[in-house]
Amino acid sequence: MPVTPSTGPIAAYRWLALWGLMLAAVGCREGLDLAPEAVDDPILHFFLHFEDDESTELERASWTYATFLEECELTAQADGSNTRPECDLEQGLSTTMFTDAELTPLIDEGRLADYPTEEQWDQAVSLVVARRMPFSADVVEDVLALPNQADVFPHFEWYVRNYLTSLDDYQAGTVEFLRTENDVRTEYILSAWGEYTLLLDFRSVHWDDGDSVRRVVLIRSWLYAAAVVGVEGGSVGFTFSIEVNIPCTDDQDQVWRTQGVWSHADIPGTLDDHDFWENQLRDGTIDGFDQLQDWADGHN
């Protein structure tokens, strides 16, 4: 049941504070340099080239982004800060928004209802969060490929996954993609809730960095259409995500896990939808990292 006007703003804030967590469960751009000064190009590159028959561009992006991450580690400080502002990845860096033209393949494949409107793009937030995690990329993949993500992320009331391709074949390496369709509901206090269909695909790339072959795990997801929400006057529309898991050079049993998110929302009772939504996405994504860490710690 949707919230009433008298409770709507309270419910909206409590609900929106967790919506980013709910989402954290994403053509060739010129100028993809070896060591970029920002994360924009390589992260978007992973999303746009996810379906490529050949993995050349994904390997190129892996090299570019891994170099960026490793250079960021060189300037990391003991207190968790970094002398390079572009390296404060766990704080969630704003990134360049992509365009309707770059979403054309999803439309052509029948996997996206429609392009975001101009107004939606104007409201959209884009950010990247990254963290080194003390387990392998295969562990991240195994957890996020489980049929019921509510077992991992307790904010889901339900998470019903339909495997569109065989999980066994993907894990055996006989098919390149694992494709899933997920019906999700999250419910919070004061009857605030959200329901949506999330399309989420897995792909791995075997990237030879010259010293070893690393298995990079990519996960791309998006909402087919706008979510149905139980917050009066509120909406969450098109959302796109790319997750990149690159084994660390110094220890391949550890992984650089990155979540790039592009999303927009109309939020009742706020003065600046963009700033508010950016904060919620950032906090929710970081919470999602922590919850996956807790799940992994509890199952080792």
C-alpha atoms as a PDB file:
ATOM      1  CA  MET A   1       0.000   0.000   0.000  1.00  0.00           C
ATOM      2  CA  PRO A   2       1.445   3.409  -0.904  1.00  0.00           C
ATOM      3  CA  VAL A   3       2.250   5.764   1.932  1.00  0.00           C
ATOM      4  CA  THR A   4      -0.194   8.520   2.827  1.00  0.00           C
ATOM      5  CA  PRO A   5       0.654  12.201   2.267  1.00  0.00           C
ATOM      6  CA  SER A   6       1.184  12.714   5.998  1.00  0.00           C
ATOM      7  CA  THR A   7       3.817   9.995   6.218  1.00  0.00           C
ATOM      8  CA  GLY A   8       5.135  10.213   2.669  1.00  0.00           C
ATOM      9  CA  PRO A   9       8.186  12.481   3.195  1.00  0.00           C
ATOM     10  CA  ILE A  10       9.447  10.430   6.160  1.00  0.00           C
ATOM     11  CA  ALA A  11       8.958   7.199   4.294  1.00  0.00           C
ATOM     12  CA  ALA A  12      10.560   8.667   1.204  1.00  0.00           C
ATOM     13  CA  TYR A  13      13.762   9.587   2.988  1.00  0.00           C
ATOM     14  CA  ARG A  14      14.029   6.233   4.768  1.00  0.00           C
ATOM     15  CA  TRP A  15      13.286   4.414   1.544  1.00  0.00           C
ATOM     16  CA  LEU A  16      15.577   6.470  -0.650  1.00  0.00           C
ATOM     17  CA  ALA A  17      18.439   6.125   1.805  1.00  0.00           C
ATOM     18  CA  LEU A  18      18.457   2.424   0.922  1.00  0.00           C
ATOM     19  CA  TRP A  19      17.483   2.470  -2.749  1.00  0.00           C
ATOM     20  CA  GLY A  20      21.086   2.856  -3.921  1.00  0.00           C
ATOM     21  CA  LEU A  21      21.890  -0.306  -1.961  1.00  0.00           C
ATOM     22  CA  MET A  22      19.061  -2.071  -3.751  1.00  0.00           C
ATOM     23  CA  LEU A  23      20.577  -1.201  -7.114  1.00  0.00           C
ATOM     24  CA  ALA A  24      24.082  -2.198  -6.077  1.00  0.00           C
ATOM     25  CA  ALA A  25      23.141  -5.889  -5.788  1.00  0.00           C
ATOM     26  CA  VAL A  26      26.276  -1.990 -15.402  1.00  0.00           C
ATOM     27  CA  GLY A  27      30.672   2.326 -29.515  1.00  0.00           C
ATOM     28  CA  CYS A  28      34.337   2.854 -28.829  1.00  0.00           C
ATOM     29  CA  ARG A  29      35.239   6.131 -27.189  1.00  0.00           C
ATOM     30  CA  GLU A  30      38.299   7.889 -28.445  1.00  0.00           C
ATOM     31  CA  GLY A  31      41.164   8.713 -26.129  1.00  0.00           C
ATOM     32  CA  LEU A  32      41.194   5.665 -23.857  1.00  0.00           C
ATOM     33  CA  ASP A  33      44.720   6.240 -22.563  1.00  0.00           C
ATOM     34  CA  LEU A  34      46.925   3.781 -20.705  1.00  0.00           C
ATOM     35  CA  ALA A  35      46.735   5.673 -17.413  1.00  0.00           C
ATOM     36  CA  PRO A  36      43.765   8.050 -17.323  1.00  0.00           C
ATOM     37  CA  GLU A  37      43.481  10.848 -14.811  1.00  0.00           C
ATOM     38  CA  ALA A  38      39.813   9.985 -14.238  1.00  0.00           C
ATOM     39  CA  VAL A  39      37.722   6.825 -14.280  1.00  0.00           C
ATOM     40  CA  ASP A  40      35.119   7.977 -16.817  1.00  0.00           C
ATOM     41  CA  ASP A  41      36.367   6.475 -20.064  1.00  0.00           C
ATOM     42  CA  PRO A  42      37.413   2.976 -18.937  1.00  0.00           C
ATOM     43  CA  ILE A  43      34.282   2.438 -16.821  1.00  0.00           C
ATOM     44  CA  LEU A  44      31.929   3.447 -19.623  1.00  0.00           C
ATOM     45  CA  HIS A  45      34.053   1.397 -22.033  1.00  0.00           C
ATOM     46  CA  PHE A  46      33.240  -1.768 -20.055  1.00  0.00           C
ATOM     47  CA  PHE A  47      29.496  -1.059 -20.299  1.00  0.00           C
ATOM     48  CA  LEU A  48      29.506  -0.245 -24.014  1.00  0.00           C
ATOM     49  CA  HIS A  49      31.684  -3.186 -25.112  1.00  0.00           C
ATOM     50  CA  PHE A  50      30.114  -5.789 -22.841  1.00  0.00           C
ATOM     51  CA  GLU A  51      28.481  -7.597 -25.809  1.00  0.00           C
ATOM     52  CA  ASP A  52      31.496  -7.523 -28.151  1.00  0.00           C
ATOM     53  CA  ASP A  53      32.199 -10.809 -29.930  1.00  0.00           C
ATOM     54  CA  GLU A  54      35.904 -10.226 -29.419  1.00  0.00           C
ATOM     55  CA  SER A  55      37.256  -9.236 -26.011  1.00  0.00           C
ATOM     56  CA  THR A  56      39.904  -6.834 -27.363  1.00  0.00           C
ATOM     57  CA  GLU A  57      38.246  -3.643 -26.119  1.00  0.00           C
ATOM     58  CA  LEU A  58      37.403  -5.184 -22.737  1.00  0.00           C
ATOM     59  CA  GLU A  59      41.012  -6.294 -22.323  1.00  0.00           C
ATOM     60  CA  ARG A  60      42.150  -2.817 -23.297  1.00  0.00           C
ATOM     61  CA  ALA A  61      39.837  -1.291 -20.696  1.00  0.00           C
ATOM     62  CA  SER A  62      41.089  -3.809 -18.094  1.00  0.00           C
ATOM     63  CA  TRP A  63      44.660  -2.719 -18.706  1.00  0.00           C
ATOM     64  CA  THR A  64      43.729   0.956 -18.589  1.00  0.00           C
ATOM     65  CA  TYR A  65      41.663   0.738 -15.449  1.00  0.00           C
ATOM     66  CA  ALA A  66      44.005  -1.610 -13.575  1.00  0.00           C
ATOM     67  CA  THR A  67      46.870   0.791 -14.268  1.00  0.00           C
ATOM     68  CA  PHE A  68      44.781   3.641 -12.879  1.00  0.00           C
ATOM     69  CA  LEU A  69      43.915   1.652  -9.722  1.00  0.00           C
ATOM     70  CA  GLU A  70      47.483   0.574  -9.100  1.00  0.00           C
ATOM     71  CA  GLU A  71      48.789   4.118  -9.530  1.00  0.00           C
ATOM     72  CA  CYS A  72      46.144   5.269  -7.065  1.00  0.00           C
ATOM     73  CA  GLU A  73      47.454   2.772  -4.518  1.00  0.00           C
ATOM     74  CA  LEU A  74      50.881   4.410  -4.732  1.00  0.00           C
ATOM     75  CA  THR A  75      49.466   7.703  -3.453  1.00  0.00           C
ATOM     76  CA  ALA A  76      47.168   6.232  -0.784  1.00  0.00           C
ATOM     77  CA  GLN A  77      47.602   7.536   2.770  1.00  0.00           C
ATOM     78  CA  ALA A  78      47.483   5.610   6.035  1.00  0.00           C
ATOM     79  CA  ASP A  79      44.230   7.331   7.063  1.00  0.00           C
ATOM     80  CA  GLY A  80      42.464   6.093   3.931  1.00  0.00           C
ATOM     81  CA  SER A  81      42.699   9.384   2.038  1.00  0.00           C
ATOM     82  CA  ASN A  82      44.647   9.913  -1.165  1.00  0.00           C
ATOM     83  CA  THR A  83      46.883  12.737  -2.315  1.00  0.00           C
ATOM     84  CA  ARG A  84      45.147  12.560  -5.716  1.00  0.00           C
ATOM     85  CA  PRO A  85      41.473  13.576  -5.469  1.00  0.00           C
ATOM     86  CA  GLU A  86      40.586  11.405  -8.464  1.00  0.00           C
ATOM     87  CA  CYS A  87      41.733   8.391  -6.451  1.00  0.00           C
ATOM     88  CA  ASP A  88      39.220   8.757  -3.608  1.00  0.00           C
ATOM     89  CA  LEU A  89      37.271   5.963  -5.229  1.00  0.00           C
ATOM     90  CA  GLU A  90      35.406   4.740  -2.173  1.00  0.00           C
ATOM     91  CA  GLN A  91      33.867   8.178  -1.786  1.00  0.00           C
ATOM     92  CA  GLY A  92      32.086   7.761  -5.113  1.00  0.00           C
ATOM     93  CA  LEU A  93      33.382   9.831  -7.997  1.00  0.00           C
ATOM     94  CA  SER A  94      30.985  11.548 -10.374  1.00  0.00           C
ATOM     95  CA  THR A  95      31.512  10.406 -13.942  1.00  0.00           C
ATOM     96  CA  THR A  96      30.520  11.405 -17.442  1.00  0.00           C
ATOM     97  CA  MET A  97      26.954  10.488 -18.439  1.00  0.00           C
ATOM     98  CA  PHE A  98      26.491   8.492 -21.600  1.00  0.00           C
ATOM     99  CA  THR A  99      23.855   9.260 -24.233  1.00  0.00           C
ATOM    100  CA  ASP A 100      20.806   7.731 -25.889  1.00  0.00           C
ATOM    101  CA  ALA A 101      22.891   6.740 -28.898  1.00  0.00           C
ATOM    102  CA  GLU A 102      25.074   4.562 -26.705  1.00  0.00           C
ATOM    103  CA  LEU A 103      21.983   2.721 -25.434  1.00  0.00           C
ATOM    104  CA  THR A 104      20.801   1.827 -28.942  1.00  0.00           C
ATOM    105  CA  PRO A 105      22.026  -1.798 -28.721  1.00  0.00           C
ATOM    106  CA  LEU A 106      19.787  -2.437 -25.700  1.00  0.00           C
ATOM    107  CA  ILE A 107      16.823  -1.012 -27.591  1.00  0.00           C
ATOM    108  CA  ASP A 108      17.685  -3.103 -30.676  1.00  0.00           C
ATOM    109  CA  GLU A 109      17.900  -6.252 -28.560  1.00  0.00           C
ATOM    110  CA  GLY A 110      14.489  -5.549 -26.988  1.00  0.00           C
ATOM    111  CA  ARG A 111      16.129  -5.292 -23.581  1.00  0.00           C
ATOM    112  CA  LEU A 112      15.218  -1.680 -22.811  1.00  0.00           C
ATOM    113  CA  ALA A 113      11.727  -0.218 -22.956  1.00  0.00           C
ATOM    114  CA  ASP A 114      12.721   3.193 -24.275  1.00  0.00           C
ATOM    115  CA  TYR A 115      15.450   5.787 -24.181  1.00  0.00           C
ATOM    116  CA  PRO A 116      15.560   8.018 -21.098  1.00  0.00           C
ATOM    117  CA  THR A 117      13.924  11.363 -21.748  1.00  0.00           C
ATOM    118  CA  GLU A 118      15.901  14.600 -21.908  1.00  0.00           C
ATOM    119  CA  GLU A 119      14.492  15.539 -18.495  1.00  0.00           C
ATOM    120  CA  GLN A 120      15.630  12.211 -17.037  1.00  0.00           C
ATOM    121  CA  TRP A 121      19.150  12.705 -18.354  1.00  0.00           C
ATOM    122  CA  ASP A 122      19.161  16.213 -16.866  1.00  0.00           C
ATOM    123  CA  GLN A 123      18.309  14.742 -13.447  1.00  0.00           C
ATOM    124  CA  ALA A 124      20.593  11.727 -13.726  1.00  0.00           C
ATOM    125  CA  VAL A 125      23.434  10.942 -11.352  1.00  0.00           C
ATOM    126  CA  SER A 126      26.532   9.009 -12.373  1.00  0.00           C
ATOM    127  CA  LEU A 127      29.190   7.798  -9.980  1.00  0.00           C
ATOM    128  CA  VAL A 128      31.857   5.151  -9.439  1.00  0.00           C
ATOM    129  CA  VAL A 129      32.771   3.431  -6.182  1.00  0.00           C
ATOM    130  CA  ALA A 130      35.730   1.037  -5.924  1.00  0.00           C
ATOM    131  CA  ARG A 131      37.418  -0.940  -3.192  1.00  0.00           C
ATOM    132  CA  ARG A 132      40.117  -3.583  -2.845  1.00  0.00           C
ATOM    133  CA  MET A 133      38.475  -6.638  -1.281  1.00  0.00           C
ATOM    134  CA  PRO A 134      40.199  -9.586   0.434  1.00  0.00           C
ATOM    135  CA  PHE A 135      38.855 -12.363  -1.767  1.00  0.00           C
ATOM    136  CA  SER A 136      39.039 -13.336  -5.427  1.00  0.00           C
ATOM    137  CA  ALA A 137      36.930 -12.196  -8.362  1.00  0.00           C
ATOM    138  CA  ASP A 138      35.539 -15.740  -8.529  1.00  0.00           C
ATOM    139  CA  VAL A 139      34.142 -15.367  -4.997  1.00  0.00           C
ATOM    140  CA  VAL A 140      32.343 -12.146  -5.956  1.00  0.00           C
ATOM    141  CA  GLU A 141      30.939 -13.828  -9.057  1.00  0.00           C
ATOM    142  CA  ASP A 142      29.813 -16.952  -7.196  1.00  0.00           C
ATOM    143  CA  VAL A 143      27.978 -14.893  -4.566  1.00  0.00           C
ATOM    144  CA  LEU A 144      26.289 -12.526  -7.018  1.00  0.00           C
ATOM    145  CA  ALA A 145      25.221 -15.448  -9.259  1.00  0.00           C
ATOM    146  CA  LEU A 146      23.252 -17.106  -6.427  1.00  0.00           C
ATOM    147  CA  PRO A 147      19.532 -17.458  -7.204  1.00  0.00           C
ATOM    148  CA  ASN A 148      18.282 -15.549  -4.158  1.00  0.00           C
ATOM    149  CA  GLN A 149      20.183 -12.346  -3.519  1.00  0.00           C
ATOM    150  CA  ALA A 150      17.990 -11.726  -0.448  1.00  0.00           C
ATOM    151  CA  ASP A 151      20.237 -14.271   1.264  1.00  0.00           C
ATOM    152  CA  VAL A 152      23.155 -11.883   0.751  1.00  0.00           C
ATOM    153  CA  PHE A 153      21.501  -8.477   0.924  1.00  0.00           C
ATOM    154  CA  PRO A 154      18.806  -8.498   3.658  1.00  0.00           C
ATOM    155  CA  HIS A 155      17.039  -5.358   2.439  1.00  0.00           C
ATOM    156  CA  PHE A 156      15.311  -7.374  -0.307  1.00  0.00           C
ATOM    157  CA  GLU A 157      11.846  -8.619   0.622  1.00  0.00           C
ATOM    158  CA  TRP A 158      12.070 -10.906  -2.375  1.00  0.00           C
ATOM    159  CA  TYR A 159      14.511 -11.461  -5.211  1.00  0.00           C
ATOM    160  CA  VAL A 160      13.244 -13.966  -7.773  1.00  0.00           C
ATOM    161  CA  ARG A 161      15.897 -14.799 -10.358  1.00  0.00           C
ATOM    162  CA  ASN A 162      15.201 -16.429 -13.697  1.00  0.00           C
ATOM    163  CA  TYR A 163      18.333 -17.749 -15.444  1.00  0.00           C
ATOM    164  CA  LEU A 164      17.936 -17.039 -19.156  1.00  0.00           C
ATOM    165  CA  THR A 165      21.079 -19.055 -19.916  1.00  0.00           C
ATOM    166  CA  SER A 166      22.545 -22.006 -18.037  1.00  0.00           C
ATOM    167  CA  LEU A 167      24.396 -21.257 -14.802  1.00  0.00           C
ATOM    168  CA  ASP A 168      26.135 -24.640 -15.010  1.00  0.00           C
ATOM    169  CA  ASP A 169      27.320 -24.003 -18.566  1.00  0.00           C
ATOM    170  CA  TYR A 170      28.592 -20.538 -17.633  1.00  0.00           C
ATOM    171  CA  GLN A 171      30.465 -21.830 -14.590  1.00  0.00           C
ATOM    172  CA  ALA A 172      31.945 -24.602 -16.742  1.00  0.00           C
ATOM    173  CA  GLY A 173      33.138 -22.014 -19.243  1.00  0.00           C
ATOM    174  CA  THR A 174      31.198 -23.469 -22.182  1.00  0.00           C
ATOM    175  CA  VAL A 175      29.100 -20.310 -22.725  1.00  0.00           C
ATOM    176  CA  GLU A 176      30.349 -16.738 -22.665  1.00  0.00           C
ATOM    177  CA  PHE A 177      27.424 -15.038 -20.929  1.00  0.00           C
ATOM    178  CA  LEU A 178      25.200 -15.738 -17.962  1.00  0.00           C
ATOM    179  CA  ARG A 179      21.968 -13.807 -18.495  1.00  0.00           C
ATOM    180  CA  THR A 180      19.365 -13.309 -15.788  1.00  0.00           C
ATOM    181  CA  GLU A 181      16.039 -11.540 -15.280  1.00  0.00           C
ATOM    182  CA  ASN A 182      15.182 -10.631 -11.713  1.00  0.00           C
ATOM    183  CA  ASP A 183      11.893  -9.594 -10.122  1.00  0.00           C
ATOM    184  CA  VAL A 184      12.677  -7.647  -6.973  1.00  0.00           C
ATOM    185  CA  ARG A 185      10.783  -6.046  -4.115  1.00  0.00           C
ATOM    186  CA  THR A 186      12.162  -4.110  -1.192  1.00  0.00           C
ATOM    187  CA  GLU A 187       9.926  -3.002   1.672  1.00  0.00           C
ATOM    188  CA  TYR A 188      10.779  -0.659   4.515  1.00  0.00           C
ATOM    189  CA  ILE A 189       8.979   0.964   7.435  1.00  0.00           C
ATOM    190  CA  LEU A 190       5.812   3.022   6.932  1.00  0.00           C
ATOM    191  CA  SER A 191       4.834   0.873   3.934  1.00  0.00           C
ATOM    192  CA  ALA A 192       7.539   2.317   1.679  1.00  0.00           C
ATOM    193  CA  TRP A 193       8.476  -0.156  -1.038  1.00  0.00           C
ATOM    194  CA  GLY A 194       9.878  -0.515  -4.523  1.00  0.00           C
ATOM    195  CA  GLU A 195       9.346  -3.166  -7.205  1.00  0.00           C
ATOM    196  CA  TYR A 196      11.201  -3.512 -10.494  1.00  0.00           C
ATOM    197  CA  THR A 197      12.550  -5.953 -13.057  1.00  0.00           C
ATOM    198  CA  LEU A 198      16.316  -5.981 -13.211  1.00  0.00           C
ATOM    199  CA  LEU A 199      18.138  -7.436 -16.206  1.00  0.00           C
ATOM    200  CA  LEU A 200      21.596  -8.558 -15.121  1.00  0.00           C
ATOM    201  CA  ASP A 201      24.286 -10.320 -17.165  1.00  0.00           C
ATOM    202  CA  PHE A 202      27.681 -11.809 -16.287  1.00  0.00           C
ATOM    203  CA  ARG A 203      30.708 -12.077 -18.532  1.00  0.00           C
ATOM    204  CA  SER A 204      34.356 -12.866 -17.862  1.00  0.00           C
ATOM    205  CA  VAL A 205      37.448 -11.862 -19.827  1.00  0.00           C
ATOM    206  CA  HIS A 206      40.778 -13.665 -19.689  1.00  0.00           C
ATOM    207  CA  TRP A 207      43.194 -10.791 -19.860  1.00  0.00           C
ATOM    208  CA  ASP A 208      46.910 -11.382 -20.420  1.00  0.00           C
ATOM    209  CA  ASP A 209      48.681  -8.447 -18.778  1.00  0.00           C
ATOM    210  CA  GLY A 210      52.088  -9.646 -19.987  1.00  0.00           C
ATOM    211  CA  ASP A 211      53.034 -11.306 -16.701  1.00  0.00           C
ATOM    212  CA  SER A 212      49.997 -13.475 -16.027  1.00  0.00           C
ATOM    213  CA  VAL A 213      46.499 -14.178 -17.261  1.00  0.00           C
ATOM    214  CA  ARG A 214      43.845 -12.627 -15.050  1.00  0.00           C
ATOM    215  CA  ARG A 215      40.149 -13.509 -15.141  1.00  0.00           C
ATOM    216  CA  VAL A 216      38.231 -10.231 -15.021  1.00  0.00           C
ATOM    217  CA  VAL A 217      34.555 -10.615 -14.059  1.00  0.00           C
ATOM    218  CA  LEU A 218      32.080  -8.083 -15.489  1.00  0.00           C
ATOM    219  CA  ILE A 219      28.431  -7.676 -14.461  1.00  0.00           C
ATOM    220  CA  ARG A 220      26.130  -5.355 -16.394  1.00  0.00           C
ATOM    221  CA  SER A 221      22.615  -4.522 -15.216  1.00  0.00           C
ATOM    222  CA  TRP A 222      19.760  -2.145 -15.973  1.00  0.00           C
ATOM    223  CA  LEU A 223      16.061  -1.593 -15.373  1.00  0.00           C
ATOM    224  CA  TYR A 224      13.957  -2.518 -18.396  1.00  0.00           C
ATOM    225  CA  ALA A 225      11.487   0.211 -17.417  1.00  0.00           C
ATOM    226  CA  ALA A 226      10.892   2.579 -14.533  1.00  0.00           C
ATOM    227  CA  ALA A 227      10.410   1.033 -11.092  1.00  0.00           C
ATOM    228  CA  VAL A 228       7.033   0.960  -9.370  1.00  0.00           C
ATOM    229  CA  VAL A 229       7.430   2.667  -6.001  1.00  0.00           C
ATOM    230  CA  GLY A 230       5.217   3.151  -2.970  1.00  0.00           C
ATOM    231  CA  VAL A 231       6.269   6.711  -2.243  1.00  0.00           C
ATOM    232  CA  GLU A 232       3.665   9.273  -3.169  1.00  0.00           C
ATOM    233  CA  GLY A 233       5.057  11.627  -5.789  1.00  0.00           C
ATOM    234  CA  GLY A 234       8.353   9.732  -6.068  1.00  0.00           C
ATOM    235  CA  SER A 235       9.797   7.701  -8.940  1.00  0.00           C
ATOM    236  CA  VAL A 236      12.974   5.940  -9.960  1.00  0.00           C
ATOM    237  CA  GLY A 237      13.411   5.622 -13.695  1.00  0.00           C
ATOM    238  CA  PHE A 238      16.098   4.221 -15.910  1.00  0.00           C
ATOM    239  CA  THR A 239      19.147   2.917 -14.094  1.00  0.00           C
ATOM    240  CA  PHE A 240      22.256   1.336 -15.610  1.00  0.00           C
ATOM    241  CA  SER A 241      25.162  -0.317 -13.829  1.00  0.00           C
ATOM    242  CA  ILE A 242      28.486  -1.937 -14.649  1.00  0.00           C
ATOM    243  CA  GLU A 243      30.522  -3.894 -12.126  1.00  0.00           C
ATOM    244  CA  VAL A 244      34.193  -4.641 -12.783  1.00  0.00           C
ATOM    245  CA  ASN A 245      36.205  -7.165 -10.745  1.00  0.00           C
ATOM    246  CA  ILE A 246      39.928  -7.194 -11.546  1.00  0.00           C
ATOM    247  CA  PRO A 247      42.376  -9.429  -9.610  1.00  0.00           C
ATOM    248  CA  CYS A 248      45.077  -7.336  -7.964  1.00  0.00           C
ATOM    249  CA  THR A 249      48.562  -7.511  -9.450  1.00  0.00           C
ATOM    250  CA  ASP A 250      50.329  -8.114  -6.140  1.00  0.00           C
ATOM    251  CA  ASP A 251      47.814 -10.733  -4.920  1.00  0.00           C
ATOM    252  CA  GLN A 252      45.350 -12.348  -7.303  1.00  0.00           C
ATOM    253  CA  ASP A 253      43.423 -13.767  -4.340  1.00  0.00           C
ATOM    254  CA  GLN A 254      42.304 -10.175  -3.789  1.00  0.00           C
ATOM    255  CA  VAL A 255      40.148  -8.150  -6.158  1.00  0.00           C
ATOM    256  CA  TRP A 256      39.549  -4.560  -7.107  1.00  0.00           C
ATOM    257  CA  ARG A 257      35.746  -4.397  -7.105  1.00  0.00           C
ATOM    258  CA  THR A 258      34.158  -1.421  -8.870  1.00  0.00           C
ATOM    259  CA  GLN A 259      30.523  -0.384  -9.254  1.00  0.00           C
ATOM    260  CA  GLY A 260      29.630   2.265 -11.808  1.00  0.00           C
ATOM    261  CA  VAL A 261      26.030   3.504 -11.660  1.00  0.00           C
ATOM    262  CA  TRP A 262      23.974   5.885 -13.813  1.00  0.00           C
ATOM    263  CA  SER A 263      20.519   6.608 -12.374  1.00  0.00           C
ATOM    264  CA  HIS A 264      17.836   9.236 -11.939  1.00  0.00           C
ATOM    265  CA  ALA A 265      14.962   9.781  -9.494  1.00  0.00           C
ATOM    266  CA  ASP A 266      12.194  12.253  -8.793  1.00  0.00           C
ATOM    267  CA  ILE A 267      12.174  12.784  -5.048  1.00  0.00           C
ATOM    268  CA  PRO A 268       9.313  14.480  -3.184  1.00  0.00           C
ATOM    269  CA  GLY A 269      10.152  17.153  -0.650  1.00  0.00           C
ATOM    270  CA  THR A 270      13.782  17.814  -1.619  1.00  0.00           C
ATOM    271  CA  LEU A 271      15.262  21.028  -2.964  1.00  0.00           C
ATOM    272  CA  ASP A 272      17.883  19.361  -5.149  1.00  0.00           C
ATOM    273  CA  ASP A 273      17.004  15.921  -6.500  1.00  0.00           C
ATOM    274  CA  HIS A 274      20.423  15.461  -8.097  1.00  0.00           C
ATOM    275  CA  ASP A 275      22.534  16.082  -4.972  1.00  0.00           C
ATOM    276  CA  PHE A 276      20.190  14.101  -2.742  1.00  0.00           C
ATOM    277  CA  TRP A 277      20.096  11.135  -5.101  1.00  0.00           C
ATOM    278  CA  GLU A 278      23.868  11.186  -5.577  1.00  0.00           C
ATOM    279  CA  ASN A 279      24.356  10.907  -1.812  1.00  0.00           C
ATOM    280  CA  GLN A 280      21.863   8.044  -1.547  1.00  0.00           C
ATOM    281  CA  LEU A 281      23.440   6.106  -4.414  1.00  0.00           C
ATOM    282  CA  ARG A 282      26.912   6.586  -2.970  1.00  0.00           C
ATOM    283  CA  ASP A 283      25.900   5.498   0.540  1.00  0.00           C
ATOM    284  CA  GLY A 284      23.840   2.592  -0.744  1.00  0.00           C
ATOM    285  CA  THR A 285      26.624   1.310  -2.986  1.00  0.00           C
ATOM    286  CA  ILE A 286      29.151   1.419  -0.140  1.00  0.00           C
ATOM    287  CA  ASP A 287      26.663  -0.387   2.123  1.00  0.00           C
ATOM    288  CA  GLY A 288      26.319  -3.055  -0.570  1.00  0.00           C
ATOM    289  CA  PHE A 289      30.099  -3.555  -0.580  1.00  0.00           C
ATOM    290  CA  ASP A 290      30.015  -3.982   3.193  1.00  0.00           C
ATOM    291  CA  GLN A 291      27.156  -6.490   3.058  1.00  0.00           C
ATOM    292  CA  LEU A 292      28.927  -8.627   0.472  1.00  0.00           C
ATOM    293  CA  GLN A 293      32.027  -8.513   2.674  1.00  0.00           C
ATOM    294  CA  ASP A 294      29.950  -9.626   5.688  1.00  0.00           C
ATOM    295  CA  TRP A 295      28.417 -12.489   3.710  1.00  0.00           C
ATOM    296  CA  ALA A 296      31.824 -13.672   2.469  1.00  0.00           C
ATOM    297  CA  ASP A 297      33.304 -13.458   5.966  1.00  0.00           C
ATOM    298  CA  GLY A 298      30.436 -15.529   7.346  1.00  0.00           C
ATOM    299  CA  HIS A 299      30.828 -18.295   4.751  1.00  0.00           C
ATOM    300  CA  ASN A 300      34.580 -18.801   4.849  1.00  0.00           C
END
